[in-house]
Amino acid sequence: MADEPVDIIMPMLREMRGEMRGEMQGMKQQLDKLESGQKTIRQALTADTMMSKFVTGDFEERIFELERKVDALTKGK
C-alpha cells in the first residue's frame, strides 16, 4: 500500500515545502544584504551632499568677504 499515490504525494509535498522554506530564507538574507547596502549608499550620498553644501557655503562666505573689501577699497578712493 505504500505505493499508492496518496502515500507518495504527502511526503513529497512536505519535502517541497521544506526546500521552499530554505530557498525563501536565502532570498530573505540576500534582500537584507541589499537593503543594508542601499542604506549605506544613501548615508554616503547624504554625507557627500552635506559636505558639498558646507564647502560651497564656505566659498560663498569668503567671496562675500572679498567683495566687501573690494567695495570698501573702491569707495575709499
Protein backbone atom coordinates (compact mmCIF):
# COMPACT_ATOMS: atom_id res chain seq x y z
CA MET A 1 0.00 0.00 0.00
CA ALA A 2 2.97 2.34 0.29
CA ASP A 3 2.97 2.69 -3.47
CA GLU A 4 -0.43 4.35 -3.60
CA PRO A 5 -0.38 7.96 -4.84
CA VAL A 6 -1.77 9.37 -1.59
CA ASP A 7 1.09 7.85 0.39
CA ILE A 8 3.66 9.24 -2.04
CA ILE A 9 2.21 12.73 -2.56
CA MET A 10 2.12 13.93 1.06
CA PRO A 11 5.81 13.21 1.82
CA MET A 12 6.78 14.83 -1.49
CA LEU A 13 4.76 17.92 -0.67
CA ARG A 14 6.35 18.14 2.78
CA GLU A 15 9.80 17.83 1.23
CA MET A 16 8.98 20.54 -1.31
CA ARG A 17 7.73 22.82 1.47
CA GLY A 18 10.98 22.35 3.36
CA GLU A 19 13.03 23.16 0.27
CA MET A 20 10.95 26.25 -0.41
CA ARG A 21 11.44 27.49 3.15
CA GLY A 22 15.19 27.10 2.77
CA GLU A 23 15.15 28.99 -0.51
CA MET A 24 12.96 31.72 0.97
CA GLN A 25 15.40 32.13 3.89
CA GLY A 26 18.27 32.51 1.41
CA MET A 27 16.33 35.09 -0.58
CA LYS A 28 15.45 36.96 2.61
CA GLN A 29 19.12 37.09 3.60
CA GLN A 30 20.05 38.41 0.17
CA LEU A 31 17.36 41.08 0.40
CA ASP A 32 18.61 42.08 3.84
CA LYS A 33 22.12 42.48 2.44
CA LEU A 34 20.80 44.58 -0.45
CA GLU A 35 18.80 46.81 1.88
CA SER A 36 21.85 47.26 4.10
CA GLY A 37 23.92 48.23 1.07
CA GLN A 38 21.29 50.69 -0.08
CA LYS A 39 21.19 52.25 3.38
CA THR A 40 24.96 52.66 3.35
CA ILE A 41 24.84 54.26 -0.10
CA ARG A 42 22.07 56.64 0.99
CA GLN A 43 24.08 57.65 4.06
CA ALA A 44 27.18 58.21 1.93
CA LEU A 45 25.22 60.36 -0.52
CA THR A 46 23.75 62.39 2.32
CA ALA A 47 27.19 62.93 3.81
CA ASP A 48 28.56 63.92 0.40
CA THR A 49 25.71 66.37 -0.14
CA MET A 50 26.22 67.92 3.29
CA MET A 51 29.95 68.23 2.69
CA SER A 52 29.35 69.85 -0.70
CA LYS A 53 26.96 72.36 0.85
CA PHE A 54 29.48 73.12 3.59
CA VAL A 55 32.31 73.69 1.11
CA THR A 56 30.10 75.75 -1.20
CA GLY A 57 28.87 77.83 1.72
CA ASP A 58 32.44 78.38 2.88
CA PHE A 59 33.48 79.61 -0.59
CA GLU A 60 30.44 81.85 -0.85
CA GLU A 61 31.25 83.38 2.51
CA ARG A 62 34.86 84.00 1.50
CA ILE A 63 33.78 85.54 -1.81
CA PHE A 64 31.29 87.76 0.02
CA GLU A 65 34.06 88.97 2.35
CA LEU A 66 36.33 89.69 -0.62
CA GLU A 67 33.54 91.64 -2.35
CA ARG A 68 33.02 93.72 0.76
CA LYS A 69 36.74 94.51 0.95
CA VAL A 70 36.85 95.45 -2.75
CA ASP A 71 33.79 97.69 -2.30
CA ALA A 72 35.41 99.33 0.71
CA LEU A 73 38.63 99.91 -1.21
CA THR A 74 36.84 101.33 -4.27
CA LYS A 75 34.69 103.64 -2.15
CA GLY A 76 37.74 104.82 -0.24
CA LYS A 77 39.43 106.11 -3.39
